[in-house]
Amino acid sequence: QVQLVESGGGLVQPGGSLRLSCAASGSIRSINAMAWYRQAPGKERELVATITSGGSTTYADSLKGRFTISRDNAKNTVYLQMNNLKPEDTAVYFCNAAVTTWYTYLEVWGQGTLVTVSS
């Protein structure tokens, strides 16, 4: 099996920064696209950013310029650098990965990490 474990969430003041990490482990042959999603209280889960194995990225239009997704393929880890955070960025952030194992293809989700932006 494959697991994703997020870390780096917490409480931050408006205007502050956080860096989330998500590490994949298990029977991994390769990881294709990786992504970050978020779900605010009472709202649907939304896509934040994606990154391919080759490093191509996409972002939600509203987050361009403040959030940066990156990955370290050697460590099977994806990152989300979040700058100039706003109260409306408060949400549980989830990592997602398209993983090829030696036997099958999986879409895997992490358990989520809470980001709270508040003074």
PDB file of N, CA and C in Angstrom:
ATOM      1  N   GLN A   1       0.834  -1.191   0.000  1.00  0.00           N
ATOM      2  CA  GLN A   1       0.000   0.000   0.000  1.00  0.00           C
ATOM      3  C   GLN A   1       0.870   1.242   0.000  1.00  0.00           C
ATOM      4  N   VAL A   2       0.209   2.367  -0.259  1.00  0.00           N
ATOM      5  CA  VAL A   2       0.911   3.645  -0.326  1.00  0.00           C
ATOM      6  C   VAL A   2       0.247   4.603   0.652  1.00  0.00           C
ATOM      7  N   GLN A   3       1.049   5.360   1.354  1.00  0.00           N
ATOM      8  CA  GLN A   3       0.535   6.357   2.296  1.00  0.00           C
ATOM      9  C   GLN A   3       1.105   7.719   1.983  1.00  0.00           C
ATOM     10  N   LEU A   4       0.292   8.749   2.233  1.00  0.00           N
ATOM     11  CA  LEU A   4       0.735  10.135   2.153  1.00  0.00           C
ATOM     12  C   LEU A   4       0.585  10.745   3.542  1.00  0.00           C
ATOM     13  N   VAL A   5       1.627  11.390   4.006  1.00  0.00           N
ATOM     14  CA  VAL A   5       1.591  12.016   5.327  1.00  0.00           C
ATOM     15  C   VAL A   5       1.948  13.483   5.185  1.00  0.00           C
ATOM     16  N   GLU A   6       0.969  14.342   5.521  1.00  0.00           N
ATOM     17  CA  GLU A   6       1.188  15.785   5.462  1.00  0.00           C
ATOM     18  C   GLU A   6       1.724  16.306   6.784  1.00  0.00           C
ATOM     19  N   SER A   7       2.424  17.402   6.718  1.00  0.00           N
ATOM     20  CA  SER A   7       2.895  18.094   7.914  1.00  0.00           C
ATOM     21  C   SER A   7       3.082  19.563   7.590  1.00  0.00           C
ATOM     22  N   GLY A   8       3.222  20.372   8.653  1.00  0.00           N
ATOM     23  CA  GLY A   8       3.514  21.781   8.456  1.00  0.00           C
ATOM     24  C   GLY A   8       2.365  22.722   8.704  1.00  0.00           C
ATOM     25  N   GLY A   9       1.181  22.190   8.963  1.00  0.00           N
ATOM     26  CA  GLY A   9       0.051  23.054   9.255  1.00  0.00           C
ATOM     27  C   GLY A   9       0.168  23.685  10.630  1.00  0.00           C
ATOM     28  N   GLY A  10      -0.726  24.625  10.890  1.00  0.00           N
ATOM     29  CA  GLY A  10      -0.715  25.276  12.190  1.00  0.00           C
ATOM     30  C   GLY A  10      -1.423  26.599  12.157  1.00  0.00           C
ATOM     31  N   LEU A  11      -1.213  27.375  13.213  1.00  0.00           N
ATOM     32  CA  LEU A  11      -1.812  28.692  13.353  1.00  0.00           C
ATOM     33  C   LEU A  11      -0.811  29.757  12.909  1.00  0.00           C
ATOM     34  N   VAL A  12      -1.266  30.656  12.057  1.00  0.00           N
ATOM     35  CA  VAL A  12      -0.394  31.717  11.565  1.00  0.00           C
ATOM     36  C   VAL A  12      -1.208  33.004  11.483  1.00  0.00           C
ATOM     37  N   GLN A  13      -0.556  34.128  11.687  1.00  0.00           N
ATOM     38  CA  GLN A  13      -1.228  35.420  11.601  1.00  0.00           C
ATOM     39  C   GLN A  13      -1.408  35.822  10.145  1.00  0.00           C
ATOM     40  N   PRO A  14      -2.396  36.637   9.876  1.00  0.00           N
ATOM     41  CA  PRO A  14      -2.560  37.157   8.508  1.00  0.00           C
ATOM     42  C   PRO A  14      -1.276  37.826   8.029  1.00  0.00           C
ATOM     43  N   GLY A  15      -0.921  37.545   6.779  1.00  0.00           N
ATOM     44  CA  GLY A  15       0.316  38.048   6.217  1.00  0.00           C
ATOM     45  C   GLY A  15       1.511  37.133   6.413  1.00  0.00           C
ATOM     46  N   GLY A  16       1.336  36.118   7.226  1.00  0.00           N
ATOM     47  CA  GLY A  16       2.415  35.184   7.491  1.00  0.00           C
ATOM     48  C   GLY A  16       2.560  34.117   6.425  1.00  0.00           C
ATOM     49  N   SER A  17       3.500  33.207   6.662  1.00  0.00           N
ATOM     50  CA  SER A  17       3.802  32.141   5.699  1.00  0.00           C
ATOM     51  C   SER A  17       3.833  30.788   6.391  1.00  0.00           C
ATOM     52  N   LEU A  18       3.540  29.769   5.634  1.00  0.00           N
ATOM     53  CA  LEU A  18       3.683  28.386   6.078  1.00  0.00           C
ATOM     54  C   LEU A  18       4.159  27.554   4.905  1.00  0.00           C
ATOM     55  N   ARG A  19       4.858  26.469   5.222  1.00  0.00           N
ATOM     56  CA  ARG A  19       5.265  25.522   4.202  1.00  0.00           C
ATOM     57  C   ARG A  19       4.752  24.143   4.590  1.00  0.00           C
ATOM     58  N   LEU A  20       3.885  23.607   3.758  1.00  0.00           N
ATOM     59  CA  LEU A  20       3.365  22.267   3.969  1.00  0.00           C
ATOM     60  C   LEU A  20       4.222  21.250   3.231  1.00  0.00           C
ATOM     61  N   SER A  21       4.328  20.076   3.832  1.00  0.00           N
ATOM     62  CA  SER A  21       5.038  18.965   3.194  1.00  0.00           C
ATOM     63  C   SER A  21       4.129  17.753   3.147  1.00  0.00           C
ATOM     64  N   CYS A  22       4.351  16.913   2.158  1.00  0.00           N
ATOM     65  CA  CYS A  22       3.594  15.669   2.028  1.00  0.00           C
ATOM     66  C   CYS A  22       4.541  14.608   1.501  1.00  0.00           C
ATOM     67  N   ALA A  23       4.777  13.603   2.320  1.00  0.00           N
ATOM     68  CA  ALA A  23       5.702  12.542   1.947  1.00  0.00           C
ATOM     69  C   ALA A  23       4.955  11.261   1.642  1.00  0.00           C
ATOM     70  N   ALA A  24       5.297  10.655   0.524  1.00  0.00           N
ATOM     71  CA  ALA A  24       4.693   9.382   0.128  1.00  0.00           C
ATOM     72  C   ALA A  24       5.611   8.233   0.499  1.00  0.00           C
ATOM     73  N   SER A  25       5.009   7.145   0.939  1.00  0.00           N
ATOM     74  CA  SER A  25       5.798   5.964   1.281  1.00  0.00           C
ATOM     75  C   SER A  25       5.011   4.712   0.936  1.00  0.00           C
ATOM     76  N   GLY A  26       5.729   3.613   0.799  1.00  0.00           N
ATOM     77  CA  GLY A  26       5.074   2.351   0.495  1.00  0.00           C
ATOM     78  C   GLY A  26       5.637   1.733  -0.768  1.00  0.00           C
ATOM     79  N   SER A  27       4.817   0.905  -1.410  1.00  0.00           N
ATOM     80  CA  SER A  27       5.241   0.160  -2.589  1.00  0.00           C
ATOM     81  C   SER A  27       5.101   1.028  -3.841  1.00  0.00           C
ATOM     82  N   ILE A  28       5.998   1.988  -3.960  1.00  0.00           N
ATOM     83  CA  ILE A  28       5.911   2.987  -5.028  1.00  0.00           C
ATOM     84  C   ILE A  28       6.876   2.644  -6.141  1.00  0.00           C
ATOM     85  N   ARG A  29       6.340   2.574  -7.360  1.00  0.00           N
ATOM     86  CA  ARG A  29       7.205   2.433  -8.526  1.00  0.00           C
ATOM     87  C   ARG A  29       7.495   3.811  -9.102  1.00  0.00           C
ATOM     88  N   SER A  30       6.451   4.620  -9.203  1.00  0.00           N
ATOM     89  CA  SER A  30       6.615   5.999  -9.652  1.00  0.00           C
ATOM     90  C   SER A  30       5.417   6.821  -9.186  1.00  0.00           C
ATOM     91  N   ILE A  31       5.649   8.118  -9.075  1.00  0.00           N
ATOM     92  CA  ILE A  31       4.568   9.040  -8.736  1.00  0.00           C
ATOM     93  C   ILE A  31       4.394   9.991  -9.895  1.00  0.00           C
ATOM     94  N   ASN A  32       3.226  10.062 -10.413  1.00  0.00           N
ATOM     95  CA  ASN A  32       2.943  10.937 -11.537  1.00  0.00           C
ATOM     96  C   ASN A  32       2.549  12.308 -11.001  1.00  0.00           C
ATOM     97  N   ALA A  33       1.362  12.758 -11.238  1.00  0.00           N
ATOM     98  CA  ALA A  33       0.963  14.072 -10.738  1.00  0.00           C
ATOM     99  C   ALA A  33       0.759  14.044  -9.228  1.00  0.00           C
ATOM    100  N   MET A  34       1.103  15.141  -8.602  1.00  0.00           N
ATOM    101  CA  MET A  34       0.811  15.361  -7.189  1.00  0.00           C
ATOM    102  C   MET A  34       0.065  16.679  -7.071  1.00  0.00           C
ATOM    103  N   ALA A  35      -0.715  16.797  -6.025  1.00  0.00           N
ATOM    104  CA  ALA A  35      -1.549  17.993  -5.916  1.00  0.00           C
ATOM    105  C   ALA A  35      -1.856  18.303  -4.459  1.00  0.00           C
ATOM    106  N   TRP A  36      -2.226  19.534  -4.260  1.00  0.00           N
ATOM    107  CA  TRP A  36      -2.764  19.981  -2.977  1.00  0.00           C
ATOM    108  C   TRP A  36      -4.208  20.447  -3.202  1.00  0.00           C
ATOM    109  N   TYR A  37      -5.072  20.036  -2.292  1.00  0.00           N
ATOM    110  CA  TYR A  37      -6.448  20.486  -2.237  1.00  0.00           C
ATOM    111  C   TYR A  37      -6.670  21.101  -0.857  1.00  0.00           C
ATOM    112  N   ARG A  38      -7.768  21.826  -0.730  1.00  0.00           N
ATOM    113  CA  ARG A  38      -8.128  22.319   0.598  1.00  0.00           C
ATOM    114  C   ARG A  38      -9.644  22.322   0.749  1.00  0.00           C
ATOM    115  N   GLN A  39     -10.053  22.225   2.002  1.00  0.00           N
ATOM    116  CA  GLN A  39     -11.480  22.247   2.304  1.00  0.00           C
ATOM    117  C   GLN A  39     -11.699  23.132   3.515  1.00  0.00           C
ATOM    118  N   ALA A  40     -12.375  24.236   3.281  1.00  0.00           N
ATOM    119  CA  ALA A  40     -12.707  25.158   4.359  1.00  0.00           C
ATOM    120  C   ALA A  40     -13.989  24.700   5.045  1.00  0.00           C
ATOM    121  N   PRO A  41     -14.204  25.131   6.282  1.00  0.00           N
ATOM    122  CA  PRO A  41     -15.419  24.726   7.001  1.00  0.00           C
ATOM    123  C   PRO A  41     -16.671  25.076   6.214  1.00  0.00           C
ATOM    124  N   GLY A  42     -17.528  24.088   6.019  1.00  0.00           N
ATOM    125  CA  GLY A  42     -18.792  24.312   5.338  1.00  0.00           C
ATOM    126  C   GLY A  42     -18.702  24.443   3.835  1.00  0.00           C
ATOM    127  N   LYS A  43     -17.523  24.203   3.280  1.00  0.00           N
ATOM    128  CA  LYS A  43     -17.340  24.346   1.836  1.00  0.00           C
ATOM    129  C   LYS A  43     -16.848  23.046   1.231  1.00  0.00           C
ATOM    130  N   GLU A  44     -16.951  22.964  -0.090  1.00  0.00           N
ATOM    131  CA  GLU A  44     -16.475  21.786  -0.795  1.00  0.00           C
ATOM    132  C   GLU A  44     -14.945  21.823  -0.933  1.00  0.00           C
ATOM    133  N   ARG A  45     -14.376  20.651  -1.106  1.00  0.00           N
ATOM    134  CA  ARG A  45     -12.937  20.558  -1.334  1.00  0.00           C
ATOM    135  C   ARG A  45     -12.610  21.196  -2.677  1.00  0.00           C
ATOM    136  N   GLU A  46     -11.545  21.982  -2.711  1.00  0.00           N
ATOM    137  CA  GLU A  46     -11.156  22.662  -3.942  1.00  0.00           C
ATOM    138  C   GLU A  46      -9.683  22.414  -4.245  1.00  0.00           C
ATOM    139  N   LEU A  47      -9.369  22.432  -5.530  1.00  0.00           N
ATOM    140  CA  LEU A  47      -7.996  22.235  -5.971  1.00  0.00           C
ATOM    141  C   LEU A  47      -7.190  23.501  -5.725  1.00  0.00           C
ATOM    142  N   VAL A  48      -6.016  23.327  -5.135  1.00  0.00           N
ATOM    143  CA  VAL A  48      -5.110  24.450  -4.883  1.00  0.00           C
ATOM    144  C   VAL A  48      -4.045  24.518  -5.969  1.00  0.00           C
ATOM    145  N   ALA A  49      -3.343  23.409  -6.182  1.00  0.00           N
ATOM    146  CA  ALA A  49      -2.240  23.393  -7.153  1.00  0.00           C
ATOM    147  C   ALA A  49      -1.897  21.962  -7.516  1.00  0.00           C
ATOM    148  N   THR A  50      -1.327  21.797  -8.708  1.00  0.00           N
ATOM    149  CA  THR A  50      -0.858  20.497  -9.153  1.00  0.00           C
ATOM    150  C   THR A  50       0.563  20.615  -9.673  1.00  0.00           C
ATOM    151  N   ILE A  51       1.269  19.485  -9.673  1.00  0.00           N
ATOM    152  CA  ILE A  51       2.612  19.447 -10.242  1.00  0.00           C
ATOM    153  C   ILE A  51       2.837  18.064 -10.827  1.00  0.00           C
ATOM    154  N   THR A  52       3.360  18.030 -12.051  1.00  0.00           N
ATOM    155  CA  THR A  52       3.654  16.756 -12.704  1.00  0.00           C
ATOM    156  C   THR A  52       5.029  16.253 -12.265  1.00  0.00           C
ATOM    157  N   SER A  53       5.343  15.030 -12.667  1.00  0.00           N
ATOM    158  CA  SER A  53       6.653  14.482 -12.329  1.00  0.00           C
ATOM    159  C   SER A  53       7.769  15.281 -12.983  1.00  0.00           C
ATOM    160  N   GLY A  54       7.448  15.956 -14.069  1.00  0.00           N
ATOM    161  CA  GLY A  54       8.445  16.777 -14.745  1.00  0.00           C
ATOM    162  C   GLY A  54       8.533  18.199 -14.231  1.00  0.00           C
ATOM    163  N   GLY A  55       7.647  18.550 -13.296  1.00  0.00           N
ATOM    164  CA  GLY A  55       7.724  19.856 -12.670  1.00  0.00           C
ATOM    165  C   GLY A  55       6.773  20.903 -13.221  1.00  0.00           C
ATOM    166  N   SER A  56       5.916  20.536 -14.153  1.00  0.00           N
ATOM    167  CA  SER A  56       4.933  21.493 -14.652  1.00  0.00           C
ATOM    168  C   SER A  56       3.860  21.722 -13.592  1.00  0.00           C
ATOM    169  N   THR A  57       3.481  22.979 -13.427  1.00  0.00           N
ATOM    170  CA  THR A  57       2.559  23.329 -12.347  1.00  0.00           C
ATOM    171  C   THR A  57       1.319  24.042 -12.857  1.00  0.00           C
ATOM    172  N   THR A  58       0.242  23.892 -12.109  1.00  0.00           N
ATOM    173  CA  THR A  58      -0.974  24.679 -12.318  1.00  0.00           C
ATOM    174  C   THR A  58      -1.467  25.135 -10.963  1.00  0.00           C
ATOM    175  N   TYR A  59      -2.187  26.247 -10.958  1.00  0.00           N
ATOM    176  CA  TYR A  59      -2.695  26.821  -9.719  1.00  0.00           C
ATOM    177  C   TYR A  59      -4.138  27.269  -9.896  1.00  0.00           C
ATOM    178  N   ALA A  60      -4.852  27.285  -8.775  1.00  0.00           N
ATOM    179  CA  ALA A  60      -6.140  27.952  -8.767  1.00  0.00           C
ATOM    180  C   ALA A  60      -5.882  29.430  -9.044  1.00  0.00           C
ATOM    181  N   ASP A  61      -6.701  30.010  -9.894  1.00  0.00           N
ATOM    182  CA  ASP A  61      -6.462  31.394 -10.304  1.00  0.00           C
ATOM    183  C   ASP A  61      -6.351  32.341  -9.110  1.00  0.00           C
ATOM    184  N   SER A  62      -7.162  32.117  -8.100  1.00  0.00           N
ATOM    185  CA  SER A  62      -7.207  33.035  -6.961  1.00  0.00           C
ATOM    186  C   SER A  62      -5.962  32.949  -6.085  1.00  0.00           C
ATOM    187  N   LEU A  63      -5.142  31.912  -6.294  1.00  0.00           N
ATOM    188  CA  LEU A  63      -3.984  31.704  -5.427  1.00  0.00           C
ATOM    189  C   LEU A  63      -2.654  31.975  -6.122  1.00  0.00           C
ATOM    190  N   LYS A  64      -2.710  32.235  -7.417  1.00  0.00           N
ATOM    191  CA  LYS A  64      -1.464  32.502  -8.151  1.00  0.00           C
ATOM    192  C   LYS A  64      -0.739  33.693  -7.552  1.00  0.00           C
ATOM    193  N   GLY A  65       0.561  33.520  -7.381  1.00  0.00           N
ATOM    194  CA  GLY A  65       1.386  34.591  -6.837  1.00  0.00           C
ATOM    195  C   GLY A  65       1.607  34.503  -5.345  1.00  0.00           C
ATOM    196  N   ARG A  66       0.734  33.786  -4.641  1.00  0.00           N
ATOM    197  CA  ARG A  66       0.923  33.632  -3.192  1.00  0.00           C
ATOM    198  C   ARG A  66       1.354  32.222  -2.812  1.00  0.00           C
ATOM    199  N   PHE A  67       0.899  31.226  -3.557  1.00  0.00           N
ATOM    200  CA  PHE A  67       1.213  29.826  -3.257  1.00  0.00           C
ATOM    201  C   PHE A  67       2.158  29.267  -4.317  1.00  0.00           C
ATOM    202  N   THR A  68       3.092  28.432  -3.875  1.00  0.00           N
ATOM    203  CA  THR A  68       4.014  27.782  -4.795  1.00  0.00           C
ATOM    204  C   THR A  68       4.106  26.294  -4.467  1.00  0.00           C
ATOM    205  N   ILE A  69       3.841  25.454  -5.459  1.00  0.00           N
ATOM    206  CA  ILE A  69       3.970  24.014  -5.292  1.00  0.00           C
ATOM    207  C   ILE A  69       5.302  23.567  -5.862  1.00  0.00           C
ATOM    208  N   SER A  70       5.937  22.622  -5.196  1.00  0.00           N
ATOM    209  CA  SER A  70       7.192  22.057  -5.678  1.00  0.00           C
ATOM    210  C   SER A  70       7.276  20.603  -5.212  1.00  0.00           C
ATOM    211  N   ARG A  71       8.242  19.865  -5.752  1.00  0.00           N
ATOM    212  CA  ARG A  71       8.378  18.474  -5.334  1.00  0.00           C
ATOM    213  C   ARG A  71       9.830  18.048  -5.406  1.00  0.00           C
ATOM    214  N   ASP A  72      10.136  17.045  -4.595  1.00  0.00           N
ATOM    215  CA  ASP A  72      11.450  16.415  -4.607  1.00  0.00           C
ATOM    216  C   ASP A  72      11.207  14.961  -4.962  1.00  0.00           C
ATOM    217  N   ASN A  73      11.455  14.606  -6.200  1.00  0.00           N
ATOM    218  CA  ASN A  73      11.150  13.256  -6.666  1.00  0.00           C
ATOM    219  C   ASN A  73      11.978  12.200  -5.940  1.00  0.00           C
ATOM    220  N   ALA A  74      13.196  12.554  -5.561  1.00  0.00           N
ATOM    221  CA  ALA A  74      14.058  11.596  -4.862  1.00  0.00           C
ATOM    222  C   ALA A  74      13.493  11.240  -3.488  1.00  0.00           C
ATOM    223  N   LYS A  75      12.753  12.186  -2.899  1.00  0.00           N
ATOM    224  CA  LYS A  75      12.180  11.966  -1.578  1.00  0.00           C
ATOM    225  C   LYS A  75      10.685  11.636  -1.642  1.00  0.00           C
ATOM    226  N   ASN A  76      10.132  11.553  -2.842  1.00  0.00           N
ATOM    227  CA  ASN A  76       8.684  11.312  -3.000  1.00  0.00           C
ATOM    228  C   ASN A  76       7.868  12.303  -2.165  1.00  0.00           C
ATOM    229  N   THR A  77       8.265  13.550  -2.215  1.00  0.00           N
ATOM    230  CA  THR A  77       7.661  14.572  -1.365  1.00  0.00           C
ATOM    231  C   THR A  77       7.223  15.767  -2.202  1.00  0.00           C
ATOM    232  N   VAL A  78       6.059  16.298  -1.859  1.00  0.00           N
ATOM    233  CA  VAL A  78       5.561  17.507  -2.485  1.00  0.00           C
ATOM    234  C   VAL A  78       5.407  18.568  -1.405  1.00  0.00           C
ATOM    235  N   TYR A  79       5.636  19.808  -1.787  1.00  0.00           N
ATOM    236  CA  TYR A  79       5.591  20.927  -0.858  1.00  0.00           C
ATOM    237  C   TYR A  79       4.585  21.971  -1.345  1.00  0.00           C
ATOM    238  N   LEU A  80       4.102  22.763  -0.401  1.00  0.00           N
ATOM    239  CA  LEU A  80       3.267  23.908  -0.738  1.00  0.00           C
ATOM    240  C   LEU A  80       3.735  25.083   0.115  1.00  0.00           C
ATOM    241  N   GLN A  81       4.382  26.042  -0.537  1.00  0.00           N
ATOM    242  CA  GLN A  81       4.793  27.260   0.144  1.00  0.00           C
ATOM    243  C   GLN A  81       3.657  28.267   0.036  1.00  0.00           C
ATOM    244  N   MET A  82       3.190  28.737   1.174  1.00  0.00           N
ATOM    245  CA  MET A  82       2.059  29.658   1.216  1.00  0.00           C
ATOM    246  C   MET A  82       2.516  30.965   1.846  1.00  0.00           C
ATOM    247  N   ASN A  83       2.416  32.035   1.103  1.00  0.00           N
ATOM    248  CA  ASN A  83       2.844  33.355   1.566  1.00  0.00           C
ATOM    249  C   ASN A  83       1.667  34.311   1.636  1.00  0.00           C
ATOM    250  N   ASN A  84       1.854  35.382   2.407  1.00  0.00           N
ATOM    251  CA  ASN A  84       0.814  36.400   2.555  1.00  0.00           C
ATOM    252  C   ASN A  84      -0.554  35.751   2.834  1.00  0.00           C
ATOM    253  N   LEU A  85      -0.577  34.910   3.820  1.00  0.00           N
ATOM    254  CA  LEU A  85      -1.794  34.165   4.121  1.00  0.00           C
ATOM    255  C   LEU A  85      -2.909  35.072   4.607  1.00  0.00           C
ATOM    256  N   LYS A  86      -4.126  34.700   4.251  1.00  0.00           N
ATOM    257  CA  LYS A  86      -5.309  35.464   4.592  1.00  0.00           C
ATOM    258  C   LYS A  86      -6.268  34.588   5.403  1.00  0.00           C
ATOM    259  N   PRO A  87      -7.140  35.192   6.175  1.00  0.00           N
ATOM    260  CA  PRO A  87      -8.093  34.375   6.948  1.00  0.00           C
ATOM    261  C   PRO A  87      -8.896  33.407   6.081  1.00  0.00           C
ATOM    262  N   GLU A  88      -9.169  33.786   4.853  1.00  0.00           N
ATOM    263  CA  GLU A  88      -9.938  32.907   3.979  1.00  0.00           C
ATOM    264  C   GLU A  88      -9.126  31.708   3.491  1.00  0.00           C
ATOM    265  N   ASP A  89      -7.841  31.658   3.786  1.00  0.00           N
ATOM    266  CA  ASP A  89      -7.028  30.482   3.481  1.00  0.00           C
ATOM    267  C   ASP A  89      -7.168  29.407   4.551  1.00  0.00           C
ATOM    268  N   THR A  90      -7.871  29.716   5.627  1.00  0.00           N
ATOM    269  CA  THR A  90      -8.092  28.741   6.680  1.00  0.00           C
ATOM    270  C   THR A  90      -8.847  27.538   6.132  1.00  0.00           C
ATOM    271  N   ALA A  91      -8.254  26.358   6.303  1.00  0.00           N
ATOM    272  CA  ALA A  91      -8.838  25.139   5.740  1.00  0.00           C
ATOM    273  C   ALA A  91      -7.995  23.943   6.167  1.00  0.00           C
ATOM    274  N   VAL A  92      -8.534  22.763   5.917  1.00  0.00           N
ATOM    275  CA  VAL A  92      -7.734  21.551   5.991  1.00  0.00           C
ATOM    276  C   VAL A  92      -7.137  21.334   4.604  1.00  0.00           C
ATOM    277  N   TYR A  93      -5.840  21.169   4.560  1.00  0.00           N
ATOM    278  CA  TYR A  93      -5.131  20.998   3.293  1.00  0.00           C
ATOM    279  C   TYR A  93      -4.785  19.518   3.121  1.00  0.00           C
ATOM    280  N   PHE A  94      -5.146  19.006   1.962  1.00  0.00           N
ATOM    281  CA  PHE A  94      -4.953  17.588   1.654  1.00  0.00           C
ATOM    282  C   PHE A  94      -3.972  17.427   0.498  1.00  0.00           C
ATOM    283  N   CYS A  95      -3.145  16.431   0.619  1.00  0.00           N
ATOM    284  CA  CYS A  95      -2.228  16.040  -0.435  1.00  0.00           C
ATOM    285  C   CYS A  95      -2.857  14.903  -1.243  1.00  0.00           C
ATOM    286  N   ASN A  96      -2.591  14.915  -2.539  1.00  0.00           N
ATOM    287  CA  ASN A  96      -3.112  13.882  -3.434  1.00  0.00           C
ATOM    288  C   ASN A  96      -2.013  13.471  -4.396  1.00  0.00           C
ATOM    289  N   ALA A  97      -1.964  12.171  -4.691  1.00  0.00           N
ATOM    290  CA  ALA A  97      -0.927  11.706  -5.615  1.00  0.00           C
ATOM    291  C   ALA A  97      -1.437  10.579  -6.485  1.00  0.00           C
ATOM    292  N   ALA A  98      -1.007  10.592  -7.721  1.00  0.00           N
ATOM    293  CA  ALA A  98      -1.288   9.508  -8.656  1.00  0.00           C
ATOM    294  C   ALA A  98      -0.064   8.600  -8.670  1.00  0.00           C
ATOM    295  N   VAL A  99      -0.222   7.416  -8.119  1.00  0.00           N
ATOM    296  CA  VAL A  99       0.921   6.543  -7.851  1.00  0.00           C
ATOM    297  C   VAL A  99       0.823   5.267  -8.672  1.00  0.00           C
ATOM    298  N   THR A 100       1.918   4.889  -9.266  1.00  0.00           N
ATOM    299  CA  THR A 100       2.022   3.591  -9.921  1.00  0.00           C
ATOM    300  C   THR A 100       2.837   2.672  -9.013  1.00  0.00           C
ATOM    301  N   THR A 101       2.219   1.591  -8.577  1.00  0.00           N
ATOM    302  CA  THR A 101       2.950   0.599  -7.800  1.00  0.00           C
ATOM    303  C   THR A 101       3.432  -0.484  -8.749  1.00  0.00           C
ATOM    304  N   TRP A 102       3.972  -1.535  -8.209  1.00  0.00           N
ATOM    305  CA  TRP A 102       4.446  -2.630  -9.055  1.00  0.00           C
ATOM    306  C   TRP A 102       3.280  -3.483  -9.558  1.00  0.00           C
ATOM    307  N   TYR A 103       2.083  -3.202  -9.040  1.00  0.00           N
ATOM    308  CA  TYR A 103       0.953  -4.046  -9.398  1.00  0.00           C
ATOM    309  C   TYR A 103      -0.217  -3.287  -9.985  1.00  0.00           C
ATOM    310  N   THR A 104      -0.341  -2.003  -9.645  1.00  0.00           N
ATOM    311  CA  THR A 104      -1.532  -1.296 -10.050  1.00  0.00           C
ATOM    312  C   THR A 104      -1.291   0.203 -10.004  1.00  0.00           C
ATOM    313  N   TYR A 105      -2.359   0.927 -10.343  1.00  0.00           N
ATOM    314  CA  TYR A 105      -2.334   2.386 -10.290  1.00  0.00           C
ATOM    315  C   TYR A 105      -3.279   2.825  -9.183  1.00  0.00           C
ATOM    316  N   LEU A 106      -2.837   3.780  -8.376  1.00  0.00           N
ATOM    317  CA  LEU A 106      -3.637   4.243  -7.253  1.00  0.00           C
ATOM    318  C   LEU A 106      -3.723   5.758  -7.239  1.00  0.00           C
ATOM    319  N   GLU A 107      -4.888   6.263  -6.795  1.00  0.00           N
ATOM    320  CA  GLU A 107      -4.982   7.669  -6.420  1.00  0.00           C
ATOM    321  C   GLU A 107      -5.059   7.692  -4.901  1.00  0.00           C
ATOM    322  N   VAL A 108      -4.109   8.377  -4.288  1.00  0.00           N
ATOM    323  CA  VAL A 108      -3.964   8.324  -2.844  1.00  0.00           C
ATOM    324  C   VAL A 108      -4.174   9.706  -2.246  1.00  0.00           C
ATOM    325  N   TRP A 109      -4.820   9.740  -1.093  1.00  0.00           N
ATOM    326  CA  TRP A 109      -5.041  10.980  -0.353  1.00  0.00           C
ATOM    327  C   TRP A 109      -4.356  10.908   1.008  1.00  0.00           C
ATOM    328  N   GLY A 110      -3.846  12.041   1.451  1.00  0.00           N
ATOM    329  CA  GLY A 110      -3.356  12.155   2.804  1.00  0.00           C
ATOM    330  C   GLY A 110      -4.501  12.420   3.772  1.00  0.00           C
ATOM    331  N   GLN A 111      -4.156  12.477   5.044  1.00  0.00           N
ATOM    332  CA  GLN A 111      -5.181  12.642   6.074  1.00  0.00           C
ATOM    333  C   GLN A 111      -5.553  14.099   6.287  1.00  0.00           C
ATOM    334  N   GLY A 112      -4.759  15.002   5.754  1.00  0.00           N
ATOM    335  CA  GLY A 112      -5.030  16.428   5.882  1.00  0.00           C
ATOM    336  C   GLY A 112      -4.258  17.077   7.017  1.00  0.00           C
ATOM    337  N   THR A 113      -3.963  18.341   6.830  1.00  0.00           N
ATOM    338  CA  THR A 113      -3.317  19.137   7.872  1.00  0.00           C
ATOM    339  C   THR A 113      -4.034  20.485   7.958  1.00  0.00           C
ATOM    340  N   LEU A 114      -4.335  20.915   9.166  1.00  0.00           N
ATOM    341  CA  LEU A 114      -5.138  22.106   9.365  1.00  0.00           C
ATOM    342  C   LEU A 114      -4.268  23.359   9.342  1.00  0.00           C
ATOM    343  N   VAL A 115      -4.697  24.317   8.551  1.00  0.00           N
ATOM    344  CA  VAL A 115      -4.070  25.636   8.509  1.00  0.00           C
ATOM    345  C   VAL A 115      -5.105  26.640   8.990  1.00  0.00           C
ATOM    346  N   THR A 116      -4.741  27.383  10.016  1.00  0.00           N
ATOM    347  CA  THR A 116      -5.629  28.409  10.561  1.00  0.00           C
ATOM    348  C   THR A 116      -4.925  29.755  10.476  1.00  0.00           C
ATOM    349  N   VAL A 117      -5.568  30.688   9.796  1.00  0.00           N
ATOM    350  CA  VAL A 117      -5.006  32.030   9.643  1.00  0.00           C
ATOM    351  C   VAL A 117      -5.869  32.980  10.462  1.00  0.00           C
ATOM    352  N   SER A 118      -5.291  33.481  11.542  1.00  0.00           N
ATOM    353  CA  SER A 118      -6.062  34.311  12.458  1.00  0.00           C
ATOM    354  C   SER A 118      -5.127  35.143  13.317  1.00  0.00           C
ATOM    355  N   SER A 119      -5.599  36.314  13.675  1.00  0.00           N
ATOM    356  CA  SER A 119      -4.833  37.169  14.579  1.00  0.00           C
ATOM    357  C   SER A 119      -5.269  36.951  16.019  1.00  0.00           C
TER     358      SER A 119
END
